[in-house]
Amino acid sequence: MGRLTDDEIRLLIKRASLFQKFNEQSPHKRSLFNEDDYQTLFEIGDNLNIDRSYIKEALIEHEGIETDDPIKVDTGNQTDVHVTAQAYGAIDGGVLNEIRANLEYHFNTVGNINRRSKKIFWKASPSGPSRLFSVTNSPELEISQKNNRVKFSVRQNLSTLNKLYIFPTIATFAAFMMTAAIIFGQADQDGIAPMLIFSGLFVLGSFFFHRFIKKRKLKRKNKLVELLGTLQQIVERHFQAGKSETKSKERIIIPDLEDIEVEDELTLGEKAKS
């Protein structure tokens, strides 16, 4: 590891403080680690009452974390997006709080966490006008773990974006009607040229608007891949910092939701922006 600049130290202290805030919401306390590197950074953290284990997490994140690429699952449906990813580690209260914060920030909506069949689920639960949009309502994340591996599976329905196709459809129909009027002699001589021009513009506009919608869908899919990449790094960072439940190959039991404290009153999504 190389020497850190003042800006990097400030950034690492900020990130370590954020990690500690997430973990303070959980009753599961972690043991301290012994580390001889970056004494200046650790001393600054000590003065700010930041646990050294979170300083180590910030350093691991700073150096970069290698993870497997998330996988897009072919659902056979253009509107349903399904992405999966795996990471080494375990889920505890601090990890779950941080995951929830990133989900709320990514989807810009709050959500509910529940446990079914030894799995943890996060489901978007928007309020107000956003309840009317299926893109906001539809996101769901499934978390399962076995043999020191955590699996993420996120789904989202993009059918709301299909409503935008009404605009290119109307424009195409208008272009067709103008062309038909010209062909069947329903337009006078002075109106043929303008109608041809407008017909061409409508067709061209429909084409580009259709491409715009497809790009929006592709962007949503890529954003889900980025989201799972972030969740992978959260779990891997905790694991590499020696803060997992265990490093053995024994089966890891997901704690009951009653044992996991998740902050409800503060908007965790705002913390993820920090």
C-alpha atoms as a PDB file:
ATOM      1  CA  MET A   1       0.000   0.000   0.000  1.00  0.00           C
ATOM      2  CA  GLY A   2       1.295   3.463  -0.923  1.00  0.00           C
ATOM      3  CA  ARG A   3       1.275   6.758   0.862  1.00  0.00           C
ATOM      4  CA  LEU A   4      -2.068   8.514   1.242  1.00  0.00           C
ATOM      5  CA  THR A   5      -2.688  12.151   0.339  1.00  0.00           C
ATOM      6  CA  ASP A   6      -4.595  14.530   2.621  1.00  0.00           C
ATOM      7  CA  ASP A   7      -7.652  14.335   0.345  1.00  0.00           C
ATOM      8  CA  GLU A   8      -7.575  10.530   0.410  1.00  0.00           C
ATOM      9  CA  ILE A   9      -7.318  10.550   4.208  1.00  0.00           C
ATOM     10  CA  ARG A  10     -10.344  12.843   4.481  1.00  0.00           C
ATOM     11  CA  LEU A  11     -12.317  10.620   2.089  1.00  0.00           C
ATOM     12  CA  LEU A  12     -11.374   7.431   3.961  1.00  0.00           C
ATOM     13  CA  ILE A  13     -12.308   8.963   7.310  1.00  0.00           C
ATOM     14  CA  LYS A  14     -15.664  10.006   5.864  1.00  0.00           C
ATOM     15  CA  ARG A  15     -16.348   6.518   4.471  1.00  0.00           C
ATOM     16  CA  ALA A  16     -15.229   4.804   7.692  1.00  0.00           C
ATOM     17  CA  SER A  17     -17.545   7.047   9.696  1.00  0.00           C
ATOM     18  CA  LEU A  18     -20.426   6.079   7.385  1.00  0.00           C
ATOM     19  CA  PHE A  19     -19.660   2.347   7.770  1.00  0.00           C
ATOM     20  CA  GLN A  20     -19.641   2.718  11.550  1.00  0.00           C
ATOM     21  CA  LYS A  21     -23.038   4.468  11.480  1.00  0.00           C
ATOM     22  CA  PHE A  22     -24.538   1.578   9.526  1.00  0.00           C
ATOM     23  CA  ASN A  23     -23.128  -1.009  11.934  1.00  0.00           C
ATOM     24  CA  GLU A  24     -24.175   0.897  15.049  1.00  0.00           C
ATOM     25  CA  GLN A  25     -27.769   0.122  14.083  1.00  0.00           C
ATOM     26  CA  SER A  26     -27.042  -3.596  14.571  1.00  0.00           C
ATOM     27  CA  PRO A  27     -26.672  -5.393  17.939  1.00  0.00           C
ATOM     28  CA  HIS A  28     -23.943  -7.620  16.443  1.00  0.00           C
ATOM     29  CA  LYS A  29     -20.634  -6.133  17.588  1.00  0.00           C
ATOM     30  CA  ARG A  30     -17.340  -6.984  15.889  1.00  0.00           C
ATOM     31  CA  SER A  31     -13.922  -7.514  17.374  1.00  0.00           C
ATOM     32  CA  LEU A  32     -11.120  -5.033  16.707  1.00  0.00           C
ATOM     33  CA  PHE A  33      -8.280  -5.868  14.343  1.00  0.00           C
ATOM     34  CA  ASN A  34      -4.582  -5.262  14.702  1.00  0.00           C
ATOM     35  CA  GLU A  35      -3.080  -3.208  11.889  1.00  0.00           C
ATOM     36  CA  ASP A  36       0.317  -1.480  11.793  1.00  0.00           C
ATOM     37  CA  ASP A  37      -0.041   0.368   8.482  1.00  0.00           C
ATOM     38  CA  TYR A  38      -1.339   3.898   8.043  1.00  0.00           C
ATOM     39  CA  GLN A  39      -0.846   4.943  11.633  1.00  0.00           C
ATOM     40  CA  THR A  40      -1.626   8.586  10.821  1.00  0.00           C
ATOM     41  CA  LEU A  41      -4.980   7.570   9.358  1.00  0.00           C
ATOM     42  CA  PHE A  42      -5.771   5.358  12.361  1.00  0.00           C
ATOM     43  CA  GLU A  43      -4.775   8.067  14.832  1.00  0.00           C
ATOM     44  CA  ILE A  44      -7.105  10.557  13.126  1.00  0.00           C
ATOM     45  CA  GLY A  45      -9.877   7.961  13.302  1.00  0.00           C
ATOM     46  CA  ASP A  46      -9.155   7.363  16.993  1.00  0.00           C
ATOM     47  CA  ASN A  47      -9.478  11.095  17.683  1.00  0.00           C
ATOM     48  CA  LEU A  48     -12.864  11.048  15.955  1.00  0.00           C
ATOM     49  CA  ASN A  49     -13.988   7.921  17.881  1.00  0.00           C
ATOM     50  CA  ILE A  50     -14.157   5.804  14.704  1.00  0.00           C
ATOM     51  CA  ASP A  51     -13.571   2.092  15.250  1.00  0.00           C
ATOM     52  CA  ARG A  52     -10.391   0.937  13.491  1.00  0.00           C
ATOM     53  CA  SER A  53     -12.271  -1.908  11.844  1.00  0.00           C
ATOM     54  CA  TYR A  54     -14.207   0.647   9.788  1.00  0.00           C
ATOM     55  CA  ILE A  55     -10.986   2.404   8.872  1.00  0.00           C
ATOM     56  CA  LYS A  56      -9.813  -0.932   7.504  1.00  0.00           C
ATOM     57  CA  GLU A  57     -13.042  -1.311   5.518  1.00  0.00           C
ATOM     58  CA  ALA A  58     -12.525   2.128   3.991  1.00  0.00           C
ATOM     59  CA  LEU A  59      -8.958   1.165   3.046  1.00  0.00           C
ATOM     60  CA  ILE A  60     -10.130  -2.057   1.419  1.00  0.00           C
ATOM     61  CA  GLU A  61     -12.705  -0.107  -0.598  1.00  0.00           C
ATOM     62  CA  HIS A  62     -10.030   2.450  -1.528  1.00  0.00           C
ATOM     63  CA  GLU A  63      -7.672  -0.229  -2.825  1.00  0.00           C
ATOM     64  CA  GLY A  64     -10.455  -1.848  -4.861  1.00  0.00           C
ATOM     65  CA  ILE A  65     -12.404  -5.088  -4.465  1.00  0.00           C
ATOM     66  CA  GLU A  66     -12.448  -7.828  -7.082  1.00  0.00           C
ATOM     67  CA  THR A  67     -15.845  -9.466  -7.607  1.00  0.00           C
ATOM     68  CA  ASP A  68     -17.477 -11.668 -10.210  1.00  0.00           C
ATOM     69  CA  ASP A  69     -19.525  -9.841 -12.816  1.00  0.00           C
ATOM     70  CA  PRO A  70     -23.311  -9.876 -12.247  1.00  0.00           C
ATOM     71  CA  ILE A  71     -25.269 -12.021 -14.702  1.00  0.00           C
ATOM     72  CA  LYS A  72     -28.295 -10.888 -16.716  1.00  0.00           C
ATOM     73  CA  VAL A  73     -30.887 -13.665 -16.804  1.00  0.00           C
ATOM     74  CA  ASP A  74     -32.860 -14.103 -20.028  1.00  0.00           C
ATOM     75  CA  THR A  75     -36.500 -13.983 -18.925  1.00  0.00           C
ATOM     76  CA  GLY A  76     -37.901 -14.228 -22.459  1.00  0.00           C
ATOM     77  CA  ASN A  77     -39.843 -11.032 -21.776  1.00  0.00           C
ATOM     78  CA  GLN A  78     -38.705  -7.610 -22.957  1.00  0.00           C
ATOM     79  CA  THR A  79     -40.195  -5.847 -19.945  1.00  0.00           C
ATOM     80  CA  ASP A  80     -38.937  -8.120 -17.151  1.00  0.00           C
ATOM     81  CA  VAL A  81     -35.330  -7.602 -16.053  1.00  0.00           C
ATOM     82  CA  HIS A  82     -33.602 -10.190 -13.862  1.00  0.00           C
ATOM     83  CA  VAL A  83     -29.971  -9.897 -12.709  1.00  0.00           C
ATOM     84  CA  THR A  84     -28.087 -12.171 -10.292  1.00  0.00           C
ATOM     85  CA  ALA A  85     -24.728 -11.903  -8.535  1.00  0.00           C
ATOM     86  CA  GLN A  86     -22.733 -13.669  -5.813  1.00  0.00           C
ATOM     87  CA  ALA A  87     -20.161 -12.590  -3.242  1.00  0.00           C
ATOM     88  CA  TYR A  88     -18.165 -14.099  -0.381  1.00  0.00           C
ATOM     89  CA  GLY A  89     -19.387 -13.105   3.053  1.00  0.00           C
ATOM     90  CA  ALA A  90     -22.447 -13.041   5.274  1.00  0.00           C
ATOM     91  CA  ILE A  91     -25.388 -10.798   6.059  1.00  0.00           C
ATOM     92  CA  ASP A  92     -25.627  -9.113   9.453  1.00  0.00           C
ATOM     93  CA  GLY A  93     -27.425  -6.034  10.696  1.00  0.00           C
ATOM     94  CA  GLY A  94     -24.814  -3.535   9.525  1.00  0.00           C
ATOM     95  CA  VAL A  95     -24.540  -5.087   6.064  1.00  0.00           C
ATOM     96  CA  LEU A  96     -28.312  -5.234   5.681  1.00  0.00           C
ATOM     97  CA  ASN A  97     -28.700  -1.583   6.665  1.00  0.00           C
ATOM     98  CA  GLU A  98     -26.102  -0.527   4.116  1.00  0.00           C
ATOM     99  CA  ILE A  99     -27.714  -2.664   1.403  1.00  0.00           C
ATOM    100  CA  ARG A 100     -31.104  -1.146   2.170  1.00  0.00           C
ATOM    101  CA  ALA A 101     -29.673   2.373   1.973  1.00  0.00           C
ATOM    102  CA  ASN A 102     -28.250   1.705  -1.482  1.00  0.00           C
ATOM    103  CA  LEU A 103     -31.528   0.189  -2.675  1.00  0.00           C
ATOM    104  CA  GLU A 104     -33.549   3.193  -1.510  1.00  0.00           C
ATOM    105  CA  TYR A 105     -31.092   5.580  -3.136  1.00  0.00           C
ATOM    106  CA  HIS A 106     -30.988   3.623  -6.422  1.00  0.00           C
ATOM    107  CA  PHE A 107     -34.764   3.247  -6.820  1.00  0.00           C
ATOM    108  CA  ASN A 108     -35.559   6.566  -5.093  1.00  0.00           C
ATOM    109  CA  THR A 109     -38.214   4.927  -2.943  1.00  0.00           C
ATOM    110  CA  VAL A 110     -38.505   3.295   0.469  1.00  0.00           C
ATOM    111  CA  GLY A 111     -39.019  -0.445   0.796  1.00  0.00           C
ATOM    112  CA  ASN A 112     -39.940  -3.229   3.191  1.00  0.00           C
ATOM    113  CA  ILE A 113     -37.721  -6.089   4.326  1.00  0.00           C
ATOM    114  CA  ASN A 114     -39.155  -9.475   5.233  1.00  0.00           C
ATOM    115  CA  ARG A 115     -37.974 -13.055   5.542  1.00  0.00           C
ATOM    116  CA  ARG A 116     -39.437 -16.064   3.742  1.00  0.00           C
ATOM    117  CA  SER A 117     -38.068 -19.573   3.290  1.00  0.00           C
ATOM    118  CA  LYS A 118     -34.713 -18.692   4.890  1.00  0.00           C
ATOM    119  CA  LYS A 119     -34.272 -15.798   2.472  1.00  0.00           C
ATOM    120  CA  ILE A 120     -34.368 -12.041   2.920  1.00  0.00           C
ATOM    121  CA  PHE A 121     -36.481  -9.939   0.549  1.00  0.00           C
ATOM    122  CA  TRP A 122     -36.521  -6.199  -0.064  1.00  0.00           C
ATOM    123  CA  LYS A 123     -39.617  -4.951  -1.908  1.00  0.00           C
ATOM    124  CA  ALA A 124     -40.205  -1.363  -2.974  1.00  0.00           C
ATOM    125  CA  SER A 125     -43.118   0.290  -1.178  1.00  0.00           C
ATOM    126  CA  PRO A 126     -43.516   3.766  -2.708  1.00  0.00           C
ATOM    127  CA  SER A 127     -45.954   6.325  -1.335  1.00  0.00           C
ATOM    128  CA  GLY A 128     -47.880   9.177  -2.882  1.00  0.00           C
ATOM    129  CA  PRO A 129     -48.128   9.632  -6.671  1.00  0.00           C
ATOM    130  CA  SER A 130     -45.212   7.243  -7.277  1.00  0.00           C
ATOM    131  CA  ARG A 131     -47.570   4.369  -6.353  1.00  0.00           C
ATOM    132  CA  LEU A 132     -49.086   4.742  -9.829  1.00  0.00           C
ATOM    133  CA  PHE A 133     -45.882   3.800 -11.649  1.00  0.00           C
ATOM    134  CA  SER A 134     -45.104   0.103 -12.002  1.00  0.00           C
ATOM    135  CA  VAL A 135     -41.399   0.839 -12.600  1.00  0.00           C
ATOM    136  CA  THR A 136     -41.298   2.240  -9.062  1.00  0.00           C
ATOM    137  CA  ASN A 137     -43.524  -0.454  -7.582  1.00  0.00           C
ATOM    138  CA  SER A 138     -41.883  -3.454  -9.195  1.00  0.00           C
ATOM    139  CA  PRO A 139     -38.256  -3.652  -7.881  1.00  0.00           C
ATOM    140  CA  GLU A 140     -37.557  -6.619  -5.613  1.00  0.00           C
ATOM    141  CA  LEU A 141     -34.278  -7.974  -4.259  1.00  0.00           C
ATOM    142  CA  GLU A 142     -33.836 -11.513  -2.961  1.00  0.00           C
ATOM    143  CA  ILE A 143     -30.879 -12.383  -0.712  1.00  0.00           C
ATOM    144  CA  SER A 144     -29.863 -15.931   0.138  1.00  0.00           C
ATOM    145  CA  GLN A 145     -26.659 -17.360   1.573  1.00  0.00           C
ATOM    146  CA  LYS A 146     -25.032 -20.744   1.870  1.00  0.00           C
ATOM    147  CA  ASN A 147     -21.499 -21.966   2.560  1.00  0.00           C
ATOM    148  CA  ASN A 148     -20.022 -18.496   2.994  1.00  0.00           C
ATOM    149  CA  ARG A 149     -21.572 -17.259  -0.267  1.00  0.00           C
ATOM    150  CA  VAL A 150     -24.250 -14.597  -0.551  1.00  0.00           C
ATOM    151  CA  LYS A 151     -26.474 -14.590  -3.635  1.00  0.00           C
ATOM    152  CA  PHE A 152     -28.364 -11.524  -4.837  1.00  0.00           C
ATOM    153  CA  SER A 153     -31.251 -11.689  -7.284  1.00  0.00           C
ATOM    154  CA  VAL A 154     -32.961  -8.450  -8.356  1.00  0.00           C
ATOM    155  CA  ARG A 155     -36.017  -8.140 -10.588  1.00  0.00           C
ATOM    156  CA  GLN A 156     -37.758  -5.145 -12.126  1.00  0.00           C
ATOM    157  CA  ASN A 157     -40.594  -4.702 -14.597  1.00  0.00           C
ATOM    158  CA  LEU A 158     -40.190  -1.974 -17.235  1.00  0.00           C
ATOM    159  CA  SER A 159     -43.699  -2.176 -18.700  1.00  0.00           C
ATOM    160  CA  THR A 160     -44.443   1.449 -17.741  1.00  0.00           C
ATOM    161  CA  LEU A 161     -41.936   2.612 -20.356  1.00  0.00           C
ATOM    162  CA  ASN A 162     -44.049   0.910 -23.037  1.00  0.00           C
ATOM    163  CA  LYS A 163     -46.674   3.626 -22.566  1.00  0.00           C
ATOM    164  CA  LEU A 164     -44.268   6.042 -24.251  1.00  0.00           C
ATOM    165  CA  TYR A 165     -44.699   4.128 -27.497  1.00  0.00           C
ATOM    166  CA  ILE A 166     -48.026   5.936 -27.959  1.00  0.00           C
ATOM    167  CA  PHE A 167     -46.195   9.018 -29.254  1.00  0.00           C
ATOM    168  CA  PRO A 168     -44.288   7.338 -32.127  1.00  0.00           C
ATOM    169  CA  THR A 169     -47.420   5.316 -32.887  1.00  0.00           C
ATOM    170  CA  ILE A 170     -49.523   8.477 -33.316  1.00  0.00           C
ATOM    171  CA  ALA A 171     -46.806  10.138 -35.400  1.00  0.00           C
ATOM    172  CA  THR A 172     -46.486   7.083 -37.653  1.00  0.00           C
ATOM    173  CA  PHE A 173     -50.251   6.905 -38.125  1.00  0.00           C
ATOM    174  CA  ALA A 174     -50.367  10.616 -39.047  1.00  0.00           C
ATOM    175  CA  ALA A 175     -47.574  10.114 -41.577  1.00  0.00           C
ATOM    176  CA  PHE A 176     -49.437   7.137 -43.069  1.00  0.00           C
ATOM    177  CA  MET A 177     -52.667   9.138 -43.406  1.00  0.00           C
ATOM    178  CA  MET A 178     -50.909  12.050 -45.122  1.00  0.00           C
ATOM    179  CA  THR A 179     -49.166   9.703 -47.538  1.00  0.00           C
ATOM    180  CA  ALA A 180     -52.436   7.929 -48.287  1.00  0.00           C
ATOM    181  CA  ALA A 181     -54.128  11.278 -48.961  1.00  0.00           C
ATOM    182  CA  ILE A 182     -51.439  12.127 -51.494  1.00  0.00           C
ATOM    183  CA  ILE A 183     -51.617   8.724 -53.200  1.00  0.00           C
ATOM    184  CA  PHE A 184     -55.400   8.750 -53.542  1.00  0.00           C
ATOM    185  CA  GLY A 185     -55.491  12.360 -54.728  1.00  0.00           C
ATOM    186  CA  GLN A 186     -57.161  13.821 -51.670  1.00  0.00           C
ATOM    187  CA  ALA A 187     -54.573  16.613 -51.374  1.00  0.00           C
ATOM    188  CA  ASP A 188     -54.413  19.671 -53.622  1.00  0.00           C
ATOM    189  CA  GLN A 189     -51.273  20.509 -55.569  1.00  0.00           C
ATOM    190  CA  ASP A 190     -50.109  23.187 -53.121  1.00  0.00           C
ATOM    191  CA  GLY A 191     -50.456  20.846 -50.158  1.00  0.00           C
ATOM    192  CA  ILE A 192     -48.544  17.836 -51.535  1.00  0.00           C
ATOM    193  CA  ALA A 193     -45.042  19.150 -50.790  1.00  0.00           C
ATOM    194  CA  PRO A 194     -45.754  20.225 -47.178  1.00  0.00           C
ATOM    195  CA  MET A 195     -47.552  16.950 -46.501  1.00  0.00           C
ATOM    196  CA  LEU A 196     -44.613  14.948 -47.824  1.00  0.00           C
ATOM    197  CA  ILE A 197     -42.211  16.962 -45.680  1.00  0.00           C
ATOM    198  CA  PHE A 198     -44.302  16.561 -42.536  1.00  0.00           C
ATOM    199  CA  SER A 199     -44.850  12.876 -43.262  1.00  0.00           C
ATOM    200  CA  GLY A 200     -41.100  12.335 -43.505  1.00  0.00           C
ATOM    201  CA  LEU A 201     -40.473  14.301 -40.314  1.00  0.00           C
ATOM    202  CA  PHE A 202     -43.092  12.278 -38.426  1.00  0.00           C
ATOM    203  CA  VAL A 203     -41.567   8.988 -39.572  1.00  0.00           C
ATOM    204  CA  LEU A 204     -38.058  10.161 -38.706  1.00  0.00           C
ATOM    205  CA  GLY A 205     -39.218  11.415 -35.309  1.00  0.00           C
ATOM    206  CA  SER A 206     -40.970   8.113 -34.591  1.00  0.00           C
ATOM    207  CA  PHE A 207     -37.807   6.207 -35.429  1.00  0.00           C
ATOM    208  CA  PHE A 208     -35.614   8.244 -33.088  1.00  0.00           C
ATOM    209  CA  PHE A 209     -38.201   8.243 -30.289  1.00  0.00           C
ATOM    210  CA  HIS A 210     -38.428   4.446 -30.548  1.00  0.00           C
ATOM    211  CA  ARG A 211     -34.650   4.238 -30.235  1.00  0.00           C
ATOM    212  CA  PHE A 212     -34.824   6.549 -27.217  1.00  0.00           C
ATOM    213  CA  ILE A 213     -37.239   4.207 -25.419  1.00  0.00           C
ATOM    214  CA  LYS A 214     -35.047   1.178 -26.150  1.00  0.00           C
ATOM    215  CA  LYS A 215     -32.013   3.016 -24.788  1.00  0.00           C
ATOM    216  CA  ARG A 216     -33.946   3.903 -21.641  1.00  0.00           C
ATOM    217  CA  LYS A 217     -34.728   0.234 -21.066  1.00  0.00           C
ATOM    218  CA  LEU A 218     -31.109  -0.757 -21.695  1.00  0.00           C
ATOM    219  CA  LYS A 219     -29.946   1.943 -19.302  1.00  0.00           C
ATOM    220  CA  ARG A 220     -32.285   0.611 -16.593  1.00  0.00           C
ATOM    221  CA  LYS A 221     -30.861  -2.884 -17.097  1.00  0.00           C
ATOM    222  CA  ASN A 222     -27.276  -1.659 -16.904  1.00  0.00           C
ATOM    223  CA  LYS A 223     -28.106   0.314 -13.765  1.00  0.00           C
ATOM    224  CA  LEU A 224     -29.337  -2.898 -12.121  1.00  0.00           C
ATOM    225  CA  VAL A 225     -26.022  -4.545 -12.982  1.00  0.00           C
ATOM    226  CA  GLU A 226     -24.180  -1.598 -11.388  1.00  0.00           C
ATOM    227  CA  LEU A 227     -26.412  -1.860  -8.314  1.00  0.00           C
ATOM    228  CA  LEU A 228     -25.611  -5.532  -7.778  1.00  0.00           C
ATOM    229  CA  GLY A 229     -21.930  -4.754  -8.285  1.00  0.00           C
ATOM    230  CA  THR A 230     -22.198  -2.250  -5.430  1.00  0.00           C
ATOM    231  CA  LEU A 231     -23.967  -4.791  -3.199  1.00  0.00           C
ATOM    232  CA  GLN A 232     -21.267  -7.366  -3.980  1.00  0.00           C
ATOM    233  CA  GLN A 233     -18.571  -4.940  -2.880  1.00  0.00           C
ATOM    234  CA  ILE A 234     -20.411  -4.193   0.361  1.00  0.00           C
ATOM    235  CA  VAL A 235     -20.465  -7.885   1.327  1.00  0.00           C
ATOM    236  CA  GLU A 236     -16.910  -8.529   0.107  1.00  0.00           C
ATOM    237  CA  ARG A 237     -15.600  -5.489   1.967  1.00  0.00           C
ATOM    238  CA  HIS A 238     -17.050  -6.712   5.250  1.00  0.00           C
ATOM    239  CA  PHE A 239     -15.733 -10.201   4.575  1.00  0.00           C
ATOM    240  CA  GLN A 240     -12.198  -9.069   3.718  1.00  0.00           C
ATOM    241  CA  ALA A 241     -12.097  -6.803   6.756  1.00  0.00           C
ATOM    242  CA  GLY A 242     -12.595  -9.874   8.920  1.00  0.00           C
ATOM    243  CA  LYS A 243     -16.078  -8.814  10.051  1.00  0.00           C
ATOM    244  CA  SER A 244     -18.077 -11.781   8.731  1.00  0.00           C
ATOM    245  CA  GLU A 245     -19.895 -14.158  11.044  1.00  0.00           C
ATOM    246  CA  THR A 246     -17.291 -16.806  10.244  1.00  0.00           C
ATOM    247  CA  LYS A 247     -14.517 -17.492   7.736  1.00  0.00           C
ATOM    248  CA  SER A 248     -15.005 -21.224   7.818  1.00  0.00           C
ATOM    249  CA  LYS A 249     -16.895 -23.255   5.233  1.00  0.00           C
ATOM    250  CA  GLU A 250     -19.625 -24.030   7.718  1.00  0.00           C
ATOM    251  CA  ARG A 251     -23.191 -23.238   6.830  1.00  0.00           C
ATOM    252  CA  ILE A 252     -24.124 -19.653   7.652  1.00  0.00           C
ATOM    253  CA  ILE A 253     -27.584 -19.191   9.128  1.00  0.00           C
ATOM    254  CA  ILE A 254     -29.382 -16.003   8.229  1.00  0.00           C
ATOM    255  CA  PRO A 255     -30.499 -14.373  11.492  1.00  0.00           C
ATOM    256  CA  ASP A 256     -34.177 -13.811  12.060  1.00  0.00           C
ATOM    257  CA  LEU A 257     -35.386 -10.352  11.177  1.00  0.00           C
ATOM    258  CA  GLU A 258     -36.184  -9.802  14.844  1.00  0.00           C
ATOM    259  CA  ASP A 259     -32.440 -10.013  15.531  1.00  0.00           C
ATOM    260  CA  ILE A 260     -31.546  -7.538  12.796  1.00  0.00           C
ATOM    261  CA  GLU A 261     -32.140  -3.904  13.606  1.00  0.00           C
ATOM    262  CA  VAL A 262     -32.903  -1.841  10.521  1.00  0.00           C
ATOM    263  CA  GLU A 263     -33.281   1.909  10.815  1.00  0.00           C
ATOM    264  CA  ASP A 264     -36.815   2.992   9.893  1.00  0.00           C
ATOM    265  CA  GLU A 265     -37.176   6.646  10.805  1.00  0.00           C
ATOM    266  CA  LEU A 266     -34.119   8.045   9.020  1.00  0.00           C
ATOM    267  CA  THR A 267     -33.945   7.832   5.247  1.00  0.00           C
ATOM    268  CA  LEU A 268     -31.048   5.518   4.662  1.00  0.00           C
ATOM    269  CA  GLY A 269     -30.997   6.467   1.008  1.00  0.00           C
ATOM    270  CA  GLU A 270     -29.687   9.908   1.988  1.00  0.00           C
ATOM    271  CA  LYS A 271     -26.720   8.281   3.744  1.00  0.00           C
ATOM    272  CA  ALA A 272     -25.813   6.371   0.614  1.00  0.00           C
ATOM    273  CA  LYS A 273     -25.415   9.697  -1.207  1.00  0.00           C
ATOM    274  CA  SER A 274     -22.705  10.755   1.257  1.00  0.00           C
END
